[in-house]
Amino acid sequence: MLPGMFLPMVLTVLIETPLFFACGFRRPRQLLWFAAVNAMTNLLLNGFAVQCAYQSNRGAFALCCEAAVVCLEWMLCLCVFDADGRKLFKTLLLTNAASYLAGLVLFP
């Protein structure tokens, strides 16, 4: 893991997990799995972003990557716990948007 990837991962989990809880996913297994999936996808996304740091259109690149992350998290969460897929997808959109916006503020 690159040294600069740990703090964004921790912040992502700290921002998104309480939102996930607030959206009604309250079982400990759901929260633990969500936090683990979140940490994994954050590391994958940041590692990929480091490799592609010289993209000319960073905004579009970031949105495409975030969309891929939401889809991956959705599939991984659906595999593990029984949940309404639409509600889960909307929740993941919300949590990822919140952490993305927080990242823009914290890491301009």
N, C-alpha and C. Protein backbone atom coordinates (compact mmCIF):
# COMPACT_ATOMS: atom_id res chain seq x y z
N MET A 1 0.84 -1.17 0.00
CA MET A 1 0.00 0.00 0.00
C MET A 1 0.89 1.23 0.00
N LEU A 2 0.57 2.16 -0.87
CA LEU A 2 1.30 3.42 -0.90
C LEU A 2 1.01 4.20 0.38
N PRO A 3 2.01 4.89 0.93
CA PRO A 3 1.81 5.59 2.21
C PRO A 3 0.64 6.57 2.21
N GLY A 4 0.40 7.26 1.13
CA GLY A 4 -0.66 8.25 1.08
C GLY A 4 -2.06 7.68 0.89
N MET A 5 -2.19 6.36 0.84
CA MET A 5 -3.48 5.74 0.60
C MET A 5 -4.21 5.36 1.88
N PHE A 6 -3.50 5.30 3.00
CA PHE A 6 -4.12 4.84 4.24
C PHE A 6 -5.14 5.84 4.78
N LEU A 7 -4.77 7.12 4.85
CA LEU A 7 -5.68 8.14 5.40
C LEU A 7 -6.97 8.26 4.58
N PRO A 8 -6.91 8.35 3.26
CA PRO A 8 -8.17 8.41 2.50
C PRO A 8 -9.05 7.18 2.72
N MET A 9 -8.44 6.00 2.85
CA MET A 9 -9.22 4.79 3.08
C MET A 9 -9.94 4.87 4.43
N VAL A 10 -9.21 5.26 5.47
CA VAL A 10 -9.81 5.36 6.80
C VAL A 10 -10.93 6.40 6.80
N LEU A 11 -10.68 7.54 6.20
CA LEU A 11 -11.70 8.59 6.15
C LEU A 11 -12.94 8.13 5.37
N THR A 12 -12.73 7.40 4.30
CA THR A 12 -13.86 6.88 3.52
C THR A 12 -14.72 5.96 4.38
N VAL A 13 -14.09 5.06 5.09
CA VAL A 13 -14.84 4.13 5.95
C VAL A 13 -15.55 4.90 7.07
N LEU A 14 -14.89 5.89 7.64
CA LEU A 14 -15.49 6.68 8.72
C LEU A 14 -16.64 7.56 8.24
N ILE A 15 -16.61 7.97 7.00
CA ILE A 15 -17.70 8.79 6.45
C ILE A 15 -18.86 7.91 5.97
N GLU A 16 -18.55 6.85 5.26
CA GLU A 16 -19.59 6.07 4.61
C GLU A 16 -20.31 5.09 5.53
N THR A 17 -19.62 4.50 6.48
CA THR A 17 -20.26 3.49 7.33
C THR A 17 -21.40 4.08 8.18
N PRO A 18 -21.23 5.24 8.83
CA PRO A 18 -22.37 5.80 9.56
C PRO A 18 -23.56 6.15 8.65
N LEU A 19 -23.28 6.59 7.43
CA LEU A 19 -24.37 6.86 6.49
C LEU A 19 -25.09 5.57 6.11
N PHE A 20 -24.33 4.52 5.92
CA PHE A 20 -24.90 3.21 5.61
C PHE A 20 -25.82 2.78 6.75
N PHE A 21 -25.36 2.97 7.97
CA PHE A 21 -26.15 2.67 9.17
C PHE A 21 -27.43 3.53 9.20
N ALA A 22 -27.29 4.83 8.93
CA ALA A 22 -28.42 5.75 8.96
C ALA A 22 -29.47 5.42 7.90
N CYS A 23 -29.05 4.76 6.83
CA CYS A 23 -29.98 4.38 5.77
C CYS A 23 -30.70 3.07 6.06
N GLY A 24 -30.48 2.52 7.24
CA GLY A 24 -31.24 1.34 7.65
C GLY A 24 -30.50 0.02 7.65
N PHE A 25 -29.25 0.02 7.27
CA PHE A 25 -28.46 -1.22 7.27
C PHE A 25 -27.75 -1.29 8.62
N ARG A 26 -28.38 -1.95 9.58
CA ARG A 26 -27.92 -1.87 10.96
C ARG A 26 -27.36 -3.17 11.53
N ARG A 27 -27.48 -4.24 10.82
CA ARG A 27 -26.95 -5.50 11.34
C ARG A 27 -25.42 -5.43 11.39
N PRO A 28 -24.83 -5.94 12.46
CA PRO A 28 -23.36 -5.89 12.57
C PRO A 28 -22.65 -6.54 11.37
N ARG A 29 -23.19 -7.63 10.88
CA ARG A 29 -22.58 -8.31 9.73
C ARG A 29 -22.61 -7.40 8.49
N GLN A 30 -23.71 -6.70 8.29
CA GLN A 30 -23.82 -5.77 7.16
C GLN A 30 -22.81 -4.64 7.28
N LEU A 31 -22.71 -4.08 8.47
CA LEU A 31 -21.79 -2.95 8.68
C LEU A 31 -20.34 -3.38 8.51
N LEU A 32 -20.00 -4.54 9.06
CA LEU A 32 -18.63 -5.03 8.95
C LEU A 32 -18.28 -5.33 7.49
N TRP A 33 -19.18 -6.00 6.80
CA TRP A 33 -18.93 -6.32 5.39
C TRP A 33 -18.83 -5.04 4.56
N PHE A 34 -19.74 -4.10 4.81
CA PHE A 34 -19.71 -2.84 4.08
C PHE A 34 -18.39 -2.11 4.31
N ALA A 35 -17.93 -2.05 5.55
CA ALA A 35 -16.67 -1.37 5.85
C ALA A 35 -15.50 -2.06 5.15
N ALA A 36 -15.50 -3.39 5.14
CA ALA A 36 -14.42 -4.13 4.48
C ALA A 36 -14.44 -3.92 2.96
N VAL A 37 -15.62 -3.98 2.37
CA VAL A 37 -15.75 -3.76 0.93
C VAL A 37 -15.33 -2.33 0.59
N ASN A 38 -15.74 -1.40 1.44
CA ASN A 38 -15.39 0.00 1.24
C ASN A 38 -13.89 0.22 1.28
N ALA A 39 -13.23 -0.36 2.24
CA ALA A 39 -11.78 -0.23 2.35
C ALA A 39 -11.10 -0.81 1.11
N MET A 40 -11.57 -1.98 0.67
CA MET A 40 -10.97 -2.63 -0.49
C MET A 40 -11.16 -1.80 -1.76
N THR A 41 -12.38 -1.33 -1.99
CA THR A 41 -12.62 -0.57 -3.22
C THR A 41 -11.91 0.78 -3.18
N ASN A 42 -11.78 1.36 -2.00
CA ASN A 42 -11.06 2.63 -1.89
C ASN A 42 -9.59 2.44 -2.24
N LEU A 43 -8.98 1.38 -1.74
CA LEU A 43 -7.58 1.11 -2.06
C LEU A 43 -7.41 0.82 -3.56
N LEU A 44 -8.34 0.05 -4.12
CA LEU A 44 -8.27 -0.23 -5.56
C LEU A 44 -8.41 1.06 -6.38
N LEU A 45 -9.37 1.87 -6.02
CA LEU A 45 -9.60 3.11 -6.75
C LEU A 45 -8.40 4.06 -6.64
N ASN A 46 -7.89 4.24 -5.44
CA ASN A 46 -6.76 5.15 -5.26
C ASN A 46 -5.49 4.61 -5.91
N GLY A 47 -5.29 3.31 -5.86
CA GLY A 47 -4.15 2.71 -6.54
C GLY A 47 -4.25 2.89 -8.05
N PHE A 48 -5.44 2.71 -8.58
CA PHE A 48 -5.66 2.91 -10.00
C PHE A 48 -5.47 4.37 -10.37
N ALA A 49 -5.98 5.27 -9.53
CA ALA A 49 -5.86 6.70 -9.80
C ALA A 49 -4.40 7.15 -9.81
N VAL A 50 -3.58 6.56 -8.94
CA VAL A 50 -2.15 6.90 -8.92
C VAL A 50 -1.50 6.48 -10.23
N GLN A 51 -1.89 5.33 -10.74
CA GLN A 51 -1.32 4.84 -12.00
C GLN A 51 -1.77 5.68 -13.20
N CYS A 52 -2.95 6.30 -13.07
CA CYS A 52 -3.51 7.08 -14.18
C CYS A 52 -3.56 8.57 -13.81
N ALA A 53 -2.61 9.03 -13.07
CA ALA A 53 -2.64 10.40 -12.53
C ALA A 53 -2.55 11.48 -13.59
N TYR A 54 -2.14 11.13 -14.77
CA TYR A 54 -1.92 12.15 -15.78
C TYR A 54 -3.06 12.21 -16.81
N GLN A 55 -4.24 11.82 -16.40
CA GLN A 55 -5.40 11.92 -17.29
C GLN A 55 -5.71 13.38 -17.57
N SER A 56 -6.04 13.69 -18.80
CA SER A 56 -6.30 15.08 -19.16
C SER A 56 -7.65 15.57 -18.63
N ASN A 57 -8.61 14.68 -18.51
CA ASN A 57 -9.93 15.07 -18.02
C ASN A 57 -10.19 14.35 -16.70
N ARG A 58 -9.65 14.87 -15.62
CA ARG A 58 -9.72 14.20 -14.32
C ARG A 58 -11.14 14.07 -13.78
N GLY A 59 -12.00 15.07 -14.04
CA GLY A 59 -13.37 15.02 -13.54
C GLY A 59 -14.14 13.85 -14.11
N ALA A 60 -14.09 13.69 -15.41
CA ALA A 60 -14.78 12.58 -16.07
C ALA A 60 -14.17 11.24 -15.65
N PHE A 61 -12.85 11.21 -15.54
CA PHE A 61 -12.15 10.00 -15.11
C PHE A 61 -12.61 9.61 -13.70
N ALA A 62 -12.68 10.58 -12.80
CA ALA A 62 -13.08 10.31 -11.41
C ALA A 62 -14.52 9.82 -11.35
N LEU A 63 -15.41 10.43 -12.13
CA LEU A 63 -16.81 10.00 -12.11
C LEU A 63 -16.98 8.59 -12.67
N CYS A 64 -16.24 8.27 -13.70
CA CYS A 64 -16.30 6.91 -14.26
C CYS A 64 -15.79 5.88 -13.24
N CYS A 65 -14.71 6.23 -12.58
CA CYS A 65 -14.15 5.33 -11.57
C CYS A 65 -15.12 5.17 -10.39
N GLU A 66 -15.73 6.26 -9.95
CA GLU A 66 -16.70 6.19 -8.86
C GLU A 66 -17.91 5.35 -9.25
N ALA A 67 -18.36 5.47 -10.49
CA ALA A 67 -19.48 4.66 -10.96
C ALA A 67 -19.11 3.17 -10.93
N ALA A 68 -17.90 2.85 -11.34
CA ALA A 68 -17.44 1.46 -11.30
C ALA A 68 -17.37 0.96 -9.86
N VAL A 69 -16.93 1.82 -8.94
CA VAL A 69 -16.85 1.44 -7.52
C VAL A 69 -18.24 1.16 -6.97
N VAL A 70 -19.21 2.02 -7.29
CA VAL A 70 -20.58 1.80 -6.80
C VAL A 70 -21.10 0.46 -7.30
N CYS A 71 -20.88 0.16 -8.56
CA CYS A 71 -21.34 -1.13 -9.12
C CYS A 71 -20.66 -2.31 -8.45
N LEU A 72 -19.37 -2.22 -8.24
CA LEU A 72 -18.63 -3.31 -7.59
C LEU A 72 -19.10 -3.49 -6.15
N GLU A 73 -19.23 -2.40 -5.42
CA GLU A 73 -19.71 -2.50 -4.03
C GLU A 73 -21.12 -3.08 -3.98
N TRP A 74 -21.96 -2.67 -4.90
CA TRP A 74 -23.34 -3.17 -4.95
C TRP A 74 -23.36 -4.68 -5.16
N MET A 75 -22.57 -5.15 -6.13
CA MET A 75 -22.53 -6.59 -6.40
C MET A 75 -21.98 -7.37 -5.21
N LEU A 76 -20.91 -6.86 -4.60
CA LEU A 76 -20.31 -7.56 -3.46
C LEU A 76 -21.25 -7.58 -2.26
N CYS A 77 -21.96 -6.49 -2.02
CA CYS A 77 -22.89 -6.46 -0.89
C CYS A 77 -24.11 -7.35 -1.14
N LEU A 78 -24.60 -7.40 -2.37
CA LEU A 78 -25.74 -8.26 -2.68
C LEU A 78 -25.39 -9.73 -2.52
N CYS A 79 -24.14 -10.08 -2.75
CA CYS A 79 -23.71 -11.48 -2.63
C CYS A 79 -23.72 -11.96 -1.18
N VAL A 80 -23.55 -11.06 -0.24
CA VAL A 80 -23.35 -11.46 1.14
C VAL A 80 -24.61 -11.34 1.99
N PHE A 81 -25.36 -10.27 1.85
CA PHE A 81 -26.56 -10.18 2.67
C PHE A 81 -27.79 -9.87 1.84
N ASP A 82 -28.90 -10.38 2.35
CA ASP A 82 -30.17 -10.21 1.67
C ASP A 82 -30.67 -8.79 1.91
N ALA A 83 -30.82 -8.06 0.83
CA ALA A 83 -31.29 -6.68 0.94
C ALA A 83 -32.02 -6.32 -0.34
N ASP A 84 -32.86 -5.32 -0.24
CA ASP A 84 -33.52 -4.77 -1.42
C ASP A 84 -32.45 -4.14 -2.31
N GLY A 85 -32.29 -4.67 -3.50
CA GLY A 85 -31.22 -4.21 -4.39
C GLY A 85 -31.32 -2.74 -4.75
N ARG A 86 -32.53 -2.25 -4.94
CA ARG A 86 -32.70 -0.83 -5.30
C ARG A 86 -32.33 0.07 -4.14
N LYS A 87 -32.78 -0.29 -2.94
CA LYS A 87 -32.44 0.52 -1.76
C LYS A 87 -30.93 0.50 -1.53
N LEU A 88 -30.34 -0.67 -1.68
CA LEU A 88 -28.90 -0.79 -1.50
C LEU A 88 -28.14 0.07 -2.51
N PHE A 89 -28.57 0.03 -3.76
CA PHE A 89 -27.90 0.81 -4.81
C PHE A 89 -28.00 2.31 -4.51
N LYS A 90 -29.19 2.76 -4.13
CA LYS A 90 -29.37 4.18 -3.80
C LYS A 90 -28.51 4.58 -2.60
N THR A 91 -28.43 3.68 -1.62
CA THR A 91 -27.61 3.95 -0.43
C THR A 91 -26.14 4.06 -0.82
N LEU A 92 -25.69 3.17 -1.68
CA LEU A 92 -24.30 3.22 -2.12
C LEU A 92 -24.01 4.47 -2.93
N LEU A 93 -24.95 4.90 -3.74
CA LEU A 93 -24.78 6.18 -4.46
C LEU A 93 -24.63 7.33 -3.47
N LEU A 94 -25.47 7.35 -2.45
CA LEU A 94 -25.42 8.40 -1.44
C LEU A 94 -24.10 8.38 -0.67
N THR A 95 -23.71 7.21 -0.19
CA THR A 95 -22.49 7.13 0.62
C THR A 95 -21.25 7.48 -0.20
N ASN A 96 -21.20 7.01 -1.42
CA ASN A 96 -20.04 7.32 -2.27
C ASN A 96 -20.00 8.79 -2.67
N ALA A 97 -21.16 9.37 -2.93
CA ALA A 97 -21.20 10.80 -3.26
C ALA A 97 -20.73 11.63 -2.07
N ALA A 98 -21.16 11.24 -0.87
CA ALA A 98 -20.76 11.98 0.34
C ALA A 98 -19.26 11.91 0.55
N SER A 99 -18.67 10.73 0.40
CA SER A 99 -17.23 10.63 0.63
C SER A 99 -16.44 11.27 -0.50
N TYR A 100 -16.97 11.24 -1.72
CA TYR A 100 -16.29 11.90 -2.84
C TYR A 100 -16.26 13.42 -2.61
N LEU A 101 -17.39 13.98 -2.20
CA LEU A 101 -17.45 15.41 -1.92
C LEU A 101 -16.56 15.79 -0.74
N ALA A 102 -16.54 14.94 0.29
CA ALA A 102 -15.64 15.20 1.42
C ALA A 102 -14.19 15.15 0.97
N GLY A 103 -13.89 14.23 0.06
CA GLY A 103 -12.53 14.15 -0.47
C GLY A 103 -12.13 15.38 -1.25
N LEU A 104 -13.08 15.95 -1.97
CA LEU A 104 -12.78 17.19 -2.70
C LEU A 104 -12.45 18.34 -1.74
N VAL A 105 -13.12 18.33 -0.61
CA VAL A 105 -12.87 19.38 0.40
C VAL A 105 -11.55 19.12 1.13
N LEU A 106 -11.32 17.88 1.53
CA LEU A 106 -10.14 17.56 2.34
C LEU A 106 -8.85 17.45 1.52
N PHE A 107 -8.98 17.00 0.27
CA PHE A 107 -7.82 16.79 -0.58
C PHE A 107 -8.01 17.51 -1.91
N PRO A 108 -7.98 18.85 -1.91
CA PRO A 108 -8.29 19.61 -3.14
C PRO A 108 -7.29 19.39 -4.27
